[in-house]
Amino acid sequence: MLYVDLSSFKSTVEISNYRVWLYQSGIRPSATIGLGCVGSSLADPHYNKQANWNPDGSITLLGGIGRENILMQRFSMPIPSGVTFS
């Protein structure tokens, strides 16, 4: 199982598909993992954010963000078949 616990943050720019977390160390997946819904906009809680965990260790928010506070959630998910970690 993967336990996902990302930090909430405030965006000051409008951008699409943004790599928010750029980890320099730690484990990295062998393939991109779709994390699904990872949080929502505080301005509009119906606007959920999805993300991918990339093989370079970064995590990309999909679909763009505006000038808003993003509240992240903690969750667990199964490790996708065929994915290894280094």
PDB file of N, CA and C in Angstrom:
ATOM      1  N   MET A   1       0.834  -1.179   0.000  1.00  0.00           N
ATOM      2  CA  MET A   1       0.000   0.000   0.000  1.00  0.00           C
ATOM      3  C   MET A   1       0.880   1.245   0.000  1.00  0.00           C
ATOM      4  N   LEU A   2       0.406   2.275  -0.700  1.00  0.00           N
ATOM      5  CA  LEU A   2       1.038   3.596  -0.673  1.00  0.00           C
ATOM      6  C   LEU A   2       0.246   4.480   0.276  1.00  0.00           C
ATOM      7  N   TYR A   3       0.944   5.216   1.117  1.00  0.00           N
ATOM      8  CA  TYR A   3       0.300   6.213   1.962  1.00  0.00           C
ATOM      9  C   TYR A   3       0.690   7.567   1.406  1.00  0.00           C
ATOM     10  N   VAL A   4      -0.282   8.350   0.965  1.00  0.00           N
ATOM     11  CA  VAL A   4      -0.023   9.642   0.334  1.00  0.00           C
ATOM     12  C   VAL A   4      -0.418  10.751   1.302  1.00  0.00           C
ATOM     13  N   ASP A   5       0.538  11.646   1.590  1.00  0.00           N
ATOM     14  CA  ASP A   5       0.309  12.769   2.511  1.00  0.00           C
ATOM     15  C   ASP A   5       1.070  13.969   1.958  1.00  0.00           C
ATOM     16  N   LEU A   6       0.413  14.767   1.123  1.00  0.00           N
ATOM     17  CA  LEU A   6       1.035  15.924   0.475  1.00  0.00           C
ATOM     18  C   LEU A   6       0.689  17.203   1.223  1.00  0.00           C
ATOM     19  N   SER A   7       1.560  18.188   1.171  1.00  0.00           N
ATOM     20  CA  SER A   7       1.346  19.461   1.853  1.00  0.00           C
ATOM     21  C   SER A   7       0.363  20.334   1.084  1.00  0.00           C
ATOM     22  N   SER A   8      -0.551  20.960   1.812  1.00  0.00           N
ATOM     23  CA  SER A   8      -1.429  21.965   1.211  1.00  0.00           C
ATOM     24  C   SER A   8      -0.580  23.179   0.858  1.00  0.00           C
ATOM     25  N   PHE A   9      -1.048  24.008  -0.077  1.00  0.00           N
ATOM     26  CA  PHE A   9      -0.240  25.149  -0.502  1.00  0.00           C
ATOM     27  C   PHE A   9      -1.122  26.244  -1.081  1.00  0.00           C
ATOM     28  N   LYS A  10      -0.533  27.421  -1.287  1.00  0.00           N
ATOM     29  CA  LYS A  10      -1.214  28.544  -1.928  1.00  0.00           C
ATOM     30  C   LYS A  10      -0.512  28.835  -3.249  1.00  0.00           C
ATOM     31  N   SER A  11      -1.279  28.841  -4.330  1.00  0.00           N
ATOM     32  CA  SER A  11      -0.746  29.168  -5.645  1.00  0.00           C
ATOM     33  C   SER A  11      -0.896  30.669  -5.884  1.00  0.00           C
ATOM     34  N   THR A  12       0.133  31.292  -6.409  1.00  0.00           N
ATOM     35  CA  THR A  12       0.083  32.727  -6.720  1.00  0.00           C
ATOM     36  C   THR A  12       0.078  32.980  -8.221  1.00  0.00           C
ATOM     37  N   VAL A  13       0.020  31.904  -9.009  1.00  0.00           N
ATOM     38  CA  VAL A  13       0.012  32.022 -10.470  1.00  0.00           C
ATOM     39  C   VAL A  13      -1.066  31.112 -11.045  1.00  0.00           C
ATOM     40  N   GLU A  14      -1.422  31.338 -12.303  1.00  0.00           N
ATOM     41  CA  GLU A  14      -2.326  30.447 -13.023  1.00  0.00           C
ATOM     42  C   GLU A  14      -1.501  29.659 -14.029  1.00  0.00           C
ATOM     43  N   ILE A  15      -1.603  28.336 -13.958  1.00  0.00           N
ATOM     44  CA  ILE A  15      -0.764  27.487 -14.801  1.00  0.00           C
ATOM     45  C   ILE A  15      -1.449  26.131 -14.981  1.00  0.00           C
ATOM     46  N   SER A  16      -1.116  25.433 -16.052  1.00  0.00           N
ATOM     47  CA  SER A  16      -1.693  24.107 -16.270  1.00  0.00           C
ATOM     48  C   SER A  16      -0.649  23.026 -16.001  1.00  0.00           C
ATOM     49  N   ASN A  17      -1.131  21.839 -15.629  1.00  0.00           N
ATOM     50  CA  ASN A  17      -0.276  20.671 -15.364  1.00  0.00           C
ATOM     51  C   ASN A  17       1.062  21.074 -14.726  1.00  0.00           C
ATOM     52  N   TYR A  18       1.011  21.424 -13.478  1.00  0.00           N
ATOM     53  CA  TYR A  18       2.158  22.008 -12.780  1.00  0.00           C
ATOM     54  C   TYR A  18       2.818  21.019 -11.839  1.00  0.00           C
ATOM     55  N   ARG A  19       4.138  20.897 -11.946  1.00  0.00           N
ATOM     56  CA  ARG A  19       4.897  20.054 -11.020  1.00  0.00           C
ATOM     57  C   ARG A  19       5.107  20.829  -9.727  1.00  0.00           C
ATOM     58  N   VAL A  20       4.308  20.507  -8.740  1.00  0.00           N
ATOM     59  CA  VAL A  20       4.308  21.248  -7.485  1.00  0.00           C
ATOM     60  C   VAL A  20       5.388  20.732  -6.535  1.00  0.00           C
ATOM     61  N   TRP A  21       5.524  19.440  -6.424  1.00  0.00           N
ATOM     62  CA  TRP A  21       6.490  18.853  -5.499  1.00  0.00           C
ATOM     63  C   TRP A  21       7.648  18.272  -6.297  1.00  0.00           C
ATOM     64  N   LEU A  22       8.853  18.789  -6.065  1.00  0.00           N
ATOM     65  CA  LEU A  22      10.057  18.349  -6.784  1.00  0.00           C
ATOM     66  C   LEU A  22      11.035  17.762  -5.785  1.00  0.00           C
ATOM     67  N   TYR A  23      10.831  16.516  -5.452  1.00  0.00           N
ATOM     68  CA  TYR A  23      11.665  15.872  -4.439  1.00  0.00           C
ATOM     69  C   TYR A  23      13.053  15.560  -4.971  1.00  0.00           C
ATOM     70  N   GLN A  24      14.070  15.891  -4.196  1.00  0.00           N
ATOM     71  CA  GLN A  24      15.458  15.649  -4.582  1.00  0.00           C
ATOM     72  C   GLN A  24      15.943  14.282  -4.127  1.00  0.00           C
ATOM     73  N   SER A  25      15.280  13.703  -3.145  1.00  0.00           N
ATOM     74  CA  SER A  25      15.691  12.393  -2.647  1.00  0.00           C
ATOM     75  C   SER A  25      14.444  11.596  -2.287  1.00  0.00           C
ATOM     76  N   GLY A  26      14.652  10.354  -1.966  1.00  0.00           N
ATOM     77  CA  GLY A  26      13.533   9.485  -1.608  1.00  0.00           C
ATOM     78  C   GLY A  26      13.238   8.491  -2.711  1.00  0.00           C
ATOM     79  N   ILE A  27      12.235   7.680  -2.477  1.00  0.00           N
ATOM     80  CA  ILE A  27      11.904   6.648  -3.457  1.00  0.00           C
ATOM     81  C   ILE A  27      11.237   7.267  -4.677  1.00  0.00           C
ATOM     82  N   ARG A  28      11.383   6.566  -5.796  1.00  0.00           N
ATOM     83  CA  ARG A  28      10.798   7.009  -7.068  1.00  0.00           C
ATOM     84  C   ARG A  28      10.162   5.798  -7.745  1.00  0.00           C
ATOM     85  N   PRO A  29       8.972   5.991  -8.336  1.00  0.00           N
ATOM     86  CA  PRO A  29       8.327   4.871  -9.017  1.00  0.00           C
ATOM     87  C   PRO A  29       8.988   4.601 -10.373  1.00  0.00           C
ATOM     88  N   SER A  30       8.906   3.359 -10.823  1.00  0.00           N
ATOM     89  CA  SER A  30       9.486   2.993 -12.122  1.00  0.00           C
ATOM     90  C   SER A  30       8.622   3.478 -13.289  1.00  0.00           C
ATOM     91  N   ALA A  31       7.383   3.818 -13.022  1.00  0.00           N
ATOM     92  CA  ALA A  31       6.451   4.329 -14.045  1.00  0.00           C
ATOM     93  C   ALA A  31       5.557   5.371 -13.387  1.00  0.00           C
ATOM     94  N   THR A  32       4.923   6.207 -14.206  1.00  0.00           N
ATOM     95  CA  THR A  32       4.011   7.215 -13.676  1.00  0.00           C
ATOM     96  C   THR A  32       2.831   6.537 -12.985  1.00  0.00           C
ATOM     97  N   ILE A  33       2.503   7.021 -11.792  1.00  0.00           N
ATOM     98  CA  ILE A  33       1.369   6.504 -11.029  1.00  0.00           C
ATOM     99  C   ILE A  33       0.305   7.592 -10.949  1.00  0.00           C
ATOM    100  N   GLY A  34      -0.884   7.297 -11.433  1.00  0.00           N
ATOM    101  CA  GLY A  34      -2.006   8.211 -11.283  1.00  0.00           C
ATOM    102  C   GLY A  34      -2.511   8.153  -9.848  1.00  0.00           C
ATOM    103  N   LEU A  35      -2.435   9.264  -9.132  1.00  0.00           N
ATOM    104  CA  LEU A  35      -2.839   9.294  -7.729  1.00  0.00           C
ATOM    105  C   LEU A  35      -4.329   9.574  -7.556  1.00  0.00           C
ATOM    106  N   GLY A  36      -5.008   9.926  -8.649  1.00  0.00           N
ATOM    107  CA  GLY A  36      -6.427  10.242  -8.559  1.00  0.00           C
ATOM    108  C   GLY A  36      -6.643  11.587  -7.888  1.00  0.00           C
ATOM    109  N   CYS A  37      -7.752  11.727  -7.185  1.00  0.00           N
ATOM    110  CA  CYS A  37      -8.091  12.982  -6.518  1.00  0.00           C
ATOM    111  C   CYS A  37      -7.235  13.139  -5.260  1.00  0.00           C
ATOM    112  N   VAL A  38      -6.439  14.200  -5.217  1.00  0.00           N
ATOM    113  CA  VAL A  38      -5.527  14.410  -4.090  1.00  0.00           C
ATOM    114  C   VAL A  38      -5.916  15.594  -3.221  1.00  0.00           C
ATOM    115  N   GLY A  39      -6.866  16.419  -3.667  1.00  0.00           N
ATOM    116  CA  GLY A  39      -7.264  17.583  -2.882  1.00  0.00           C
ATOM    117  C   GLY A  39      -8.256  18.439  -3.631  1.00  0.00           C
ATOM    118  N   SER A  40      -8.515  19.630  -3.065  1.00  0.00           N
ATOM    119  CA  SER A  40      -9.486  20.526  -3.692  1.00  0.00           C
ATOM    120  C   SER A  40      -9.111  21.980  -3.453  1.00  0.00           C
ATOM    121  N   SER A  41      -9.741  22.839  -4.228  1.00  0.00           N
ATOM    122  CA  SER A  41      -9.578  24.278  -4.090  1.00  0.00           C
ATOM    123  C   SER A  41     -10.428  24.754  -2.916  1.00  0.00           C
ATOM    124  N   LEU A  42      -9.854  25.601  -2.044  1.00  0.00           N
ATOM    125  CA  LEU A  42     -10.649  26.150  -0.951  1.00  0.00           C
ATOM    126  C   LEU A  42     -11.673  27.151  -1.464  1.00  0.00           C
ATOM    127  N   ALA A  43     -11.382  27.803  -2.599  1.00  0.00           N
ATOM    128  CA  ALA A  43     -12.320  28.765  -3.186  1.00  0.00           C
ATOM    129  C   ALA A  43     -13.577  28.059  -3.699  1.00  0.00           C
ATOM    130  N   ASP A  44     -13.420  26.857  -4.221  1.00  0.00           N
ATOM    131  CA  ASP A  44     -14.550  26.076  -4.722  1.00  0.00           C
ATOM    132  C   ASP A  44     -14.283  24.605  -4.420  1.00  0.00           C
ATOM    133  N   PRO A  45     -14.768  24.103  -3.281  1.00  0.00           N
ATOM    134  CA  PRO A  45     -14.476  22.718  -2.879  1.00  0.00           C
ATOM    135  C   PRO A  45     -14.993  21.662  -3.852  1.00  0.00           C
ATOM    136  N   HIS A  46     -15.849  22.061  -4.800  1.00  0.00           N
ATOM    137  CA  HIS A  46     -16.322  21.112  -5.804  1.00  0.00           C
ATOM    138  C   HIS A  46     -15.290  20.922  -6.915  1.00  0.00           C
ATOM    139  N   TYR A  47     -14.249  21.756  -6.903  1.00  0.00           N
ATOM    140  CA  TYR A  47     -13.202  21.689  -7.923  1.00  0.00           C
ATOM    141  C   TYR A  47     -12.032  20.876  -7.373  1.00  0.00           C
ATOM    142  N   ASN A  48     -12.019  19.589  -7.652  1.00  0.00           N
ATOM    143  CA  ASN A  48     -11.007  18.687  -7.119  1.00  0.00           C
ATOM    144  C   ASN A  48      -9.753  18.676  -7.983  1.00  0.00           C
ATOM    145  N   LYS A  49      -8.638  18.351  -7.365  1.00  0.00           N
ATOM    146  CA  LYS A  49      -7.345  18.289  -8.048  1.00  0.00           C
ATOM    147  C   LYS A  49      -6.898  16.839  -8.158  1.00  0.00           C
ATOM    148  N   GLN A  50      -6.416  16.476  -9.333  1.00  0.00           N
ATOM    149  CA  GLN A  50      -5.846  15.153  -9.550  1.00  0.00           C
ATOM    150  C   GLN A  50      -4.349  15.304  -9.779  1.00  0.00           C
ATOM    151  N   ALA A  51      -3.609  14.213  -9.570  1.00  0.00           N
ATOM    152  CA  ALA A  51      -2.152  14.296  -9.676  1.00  0.00           C
ATOM    153  C   ALA A  51      -1.552  12.989 -10.168  1.00  0.00           C
ATOM    154  N   ASN A  52      -0.338  13.105 -10.711  1.00  0.00           N
ATOM    155  CA  ASN A  52       0.493  11.959 -11.094  1.00  0.00           C
ATOM    156  C   ASN A  52       1.797  12.016 -10.320  1.00  0.00           C
ATOM    157  N   TRP A  53       2.305  10.850  -9.924  1.00  0.00           N
ATOM    158  CA  TRP A  53       3.644  10.724  -9.332  1.00  0.00           C
ATOM    159  C   TRP A  53       4.532  10.218 -10.456  1.00  0.00           C
ATOM    160  N   ASN A  54       5.528  11.000 -10.821  1.00  0.00           N
ATOM    161  CA  ASN A  54       6.372  10.738 -11.988  1.00  0.00           C
ATOM    162  C   ASN A  54       7.632   9.954 -11.634  1.00  0.00           C
ATOM    163  N   PRO A  55       8.214   9.246 -12.613  1.00  0.00           N
ATOM    164  CA  PRO A  55       9.430   8.465 -12.369  1.00  0.00           C
ATOM    165  C   PRO A  55      10.625   9.295 -11.890  1.00  0.00           C
ATOM    166  N   ASP A  56      10.625  10.619 -12.133  1.00  0.00           N
ATOM    167  CA  ASP A  56      11.732  11.452 -11.634  1.00  0.00           C
ATOM    168  C   ASP A  56      11.506  11.870 -10.178  1.00  0.00           C
ATOM    169  N   GLY A  57      10.407  11.405  -9.566  1.00  0.00           N
ATOM    170  CA  GLY A  57      10.114  11.698  -8.171  1.00  0.00           C
ATOM    171  C   GLY A  57       9.185  12.887  -7.979  1.00  0.00           C
ATOM    172  N   SER A  58       8.958  13.677  -9.028  1.00  0.00           N
ATOM    173  CA  SER A  58       8.090  14.850  -8.905  1.00  0.00           C
ATOM    174  C   SER A  58       6.619  14.431  -8.926  1.00  0.00           C
ATOM    175  N   ILE A  59       5.770  15.323  -8.423  1.00  0.00           N
ATOM    176  CA  ILE A  59       4.327  15.101  -8.460  1.00  0.00           C
ATOM    177  C   ILE A  59       3.701  16.273  -9.207  1.00  0.00           C
ATOM    178  N   THR A  60       2.904  15.952 -10.232  1.00  0.00           N
ATOM    179  CA  THR A  60       2.288  16.953 -11.095  1.00  0.00           C
ATOM    180  C   THR A  60       0.795  17.044 -10.830  1.00  0.00           C
ATOM    181  N   LEU A  61       0.321  18.267 -10.556  1.00  0.00           N
ATOM    182  CA  LEU A  61      -1.123  18.495 -10.493  1.00  0.00           C
ATOM    183  C   LEU A  61      -1.638  18.621 -11.917  1.00  0.00           C
ATOM    184  N   LEU A  62      -2.727  17.938 -12.219  1.00  0.00           N
ATOM    185  CA  LEU A  62      -3.273  17.910 -13.570  1.00  0.00           C
ATOM    186  C   LEU A  62      -4.430  18.894 -13.718  1.00  0.00           C
ATOM    187  N   GLY A  63      -4.576  19.452 -14.901  1.00  0.00           N
ATOM    188  CA  GLY A  63      -5.711  20.296 -15.199  1.00  0.00           C
ATOM    189  C   GLY A  63      -5.555  21.750 -14.834  1.00  0.00           C
ATOM    190  N   GLY A  64      -4.447  22.100 -14.248  1.00  0.00           N
ATOM    191  CA  GLY A  64      -4.176  23.501 -13.958  1.00  0.00           C
ATOM    192  C   GLY A  64      -4.641  23.954 -12.591  1.00  0.00           C
ATOM    193  N   ILE A  65      -4.070  25.068 -12.173  1.00  0.00           N
ATOM    194  CA  ILE A  65      -4.439  25.719 -10.926  1.00  0.00           C
ATOM    195  C   ILE A  65      -4.475  27.218 -11.167  1.00  0.00           C
ATOM    196  N   GLY A  66      -5.239  27.904 -10.359  1.00  0.00           N
ATOM    197  CA  GLY A  66      -5.305  29.360 -10.427  1.00  0.00           C
ATOM    198  C   GLY A  66      -4.699  29.955  -9.176  1.00  0.00           C
ATOM    199  N   ARG A  67      -4.991  31.215  -8.937  1.00  0.00           N
ATOM    200  CA  ARG A  67      -4.535  31.875  -7.713  1.00  0.00           C
ATOM    201  C   ARG A  67      -5.486  31.464  -6.599  1.00  0.00           C
ATOM    202  N   GLU A  68      -5.102  30.421  -5.876  1.00  0.00           N
ATOM    203  CA  GLU A  68      -6.002  29.832  -4.896  1.00  0.00           C
ATOM    204  C   GLU A  68      -5.239  29.016  -3.865  1.00  0.00           C
ATOM    205  N   ASN A  69      -5.902  28.733  -2.770  1.00  0.00           N
ATOM    206  CA  ASN A  69      -5.372  27.821  -1.763  1.00  0.00           C
ATOM    207  C   ASN A  69      -5.827  26.415  -2.118  1.00  0.00           C
ATOM    208  N   ILE A  70      -4.911  25.481  -2.061  1.00  0.00           N
ATOM    209  CA  ILE A  70      -5.206  24.095  -2.382  1.00  0.00           C
ATOM    210  C   ILE A  70      -5.070  23.263  -1.108  1.00  0.00           C
ATOM    211  N   LEU A  71      -6.140  22.611  -0.720  1.00  0.00           N
ATOM    212  CA  LEU A  71      -6.166  21.765   0.467  1.00  0.00           C
ATOM    213  C   LEU A  71      -5.980  20.318   0.033  1.00  0.00           C
ATOM    214  N   MET A  72      -4.906  19.713   0.478  1.00  0.00           N
ATOM    215  CA  MET A  72      -4.598  18.336   0.093  1.00  0.00           C
ATOM    216  C   MET A  72      -5.177  17.376   1.125  1.00  0.00           C
ATOM    217  N   GLN A  73      -5.446  16.137   0.703  1.00  0.00           N
ATOM    218  CA  GLN A  73      -5.962  15.116   1.605  1.00  0.00           C
ATOM    219  C   GLN A  73      -4.961  13.977   1.739  1.00  0.00           C
ATOM    220  N   ARG A  74      -5.058  13.245   2.811  1.00  0.00           N
ATOM    221  CA  ARG A  74      -4.235  12.046   3.036  1.00  0.00           C
ATOM    222  C   ARG A  74      -5.057  10.830   2.641  1.00  0.00           C
ATOM    223  N   PHE A  75      -4.400   9.851   2.021  1.00  0.00           N
ATOM    224  CA  PHE A  75      -5.118   8.637   1.646  1.00  0.00           C
ATOM    225  C   PHE A  75      -4.136   7.509   1.383  1.00  0.00           C
ATOM    226  N   SER A  76      -4.652   6.306   1.330  1.00  0.00           N
ATOM    227  CA  SER A  76      -3.876   5.111   0.988  1.00  0.00           C
ATOM    228  C   SER A  76      -4.419   4.543  -0.304  1.00  0.00           C
ATOM    229  N   MET A  77      -3.535   3.910  -1.062  1.00  0.00           N
ATOM    230  CA  MET A  77      -3.956   3.277  -2.306  1.00  0.00           C
ATOM    231  C   MET A  77      -3.039   2.092  -2.587  1.00  0.00           C
ATOM    232  N   PRO A  78      -3.507   1.103  -3.333  1.00  0.00           N
ATOM    233  CA  PRO A  78      -2.653  -0.038  -3.670  1.00  0.00           C
ATOM    234  C   PRO A  78      -1.549   0.370  -4.649  1.00  0.00           C
ATOM    235  N   ILE A  79      -0.447  -0.311  -4.588  1.00  0.00           N
ATOM    236  CA  ILE A  79       0.632  -0.082  -5.550  1.00  0.00           C
ATOM    237  C   ILE A  79       0.211  -0.707  -6.882  1.00  0.00           C
ATOM    238  N   PRO A  80       0.245   0.077  -7.971  1.00  0.00           N
ATOM    239  CA  PRO A  80      -0.165  -0.472  -9.270  1.00  0.00           C
ATOM    240  C   PRO A  80       0.691  -1.660  -9.689  1.00  0.00           C
ATOM    241  N   SER A  81       0.087  -2.600 -10.367  1.00  0.00           N
ATOM    242  CA  SER A  81       0.769  -3.788 -10.858  1.00  0.00           C
ATOM    243  C   SER A  81       1.942  -3.409 -11.763  1.00  0.00           C
ATOM    244  N   GLY A  82       3.085  -4.030 -11.554  1.00  0.00           N
ATOM    245  CA  GLY A  82       4.250  -3.820 -12.396  1.00  0.00           C
ATOM    246  C   GLY A  82       5.116  -2.641 -12.013  1.00  0.00           C
ATOM    247  N   VAL A  83       4.691  -1.820 -11.034  1.00  0.00           N
ATOM    248  CA  VAL A  83       5.479  -0.669 -10.617  1.00  0.00           C
ATOM    249  C   VAL A  83       6.421  -1.070  -9.488  1.00  0.00           C
ATOM    250  N   THR A  84       7.684  -0.701  -9.644  1.00  0.00           N
ATOM    251  CA  THR A  84       8.681  -0.935  -8.593  1.00  0.00           C
ATOM    252  C   THR A  84       9.211   0.427  -8.142  1.00  0.00           C
ATOM    253  N   PHE A  85       9.964   0.428  -7.057  1.00  0.00           N
ATOM    254  CA  PHE A  85      10.486   1.668  -6.506  1.00  0.00           C
ATOM    255  C   PHE A  85      11.994   1.563  -6.311  1.00  0.00           C
ATOM    256  N   SER A  86      12.663   2.684  -6.540  1.00  0.00           N
ATOM    257  CA  SER A  86      14.118   2.719  -6.330  1.00  0.00           C
ATOM    258  C   SER A  86      14.478   3.942  -5.521  1.00  0.00           C
TER     259      SER A  86
END
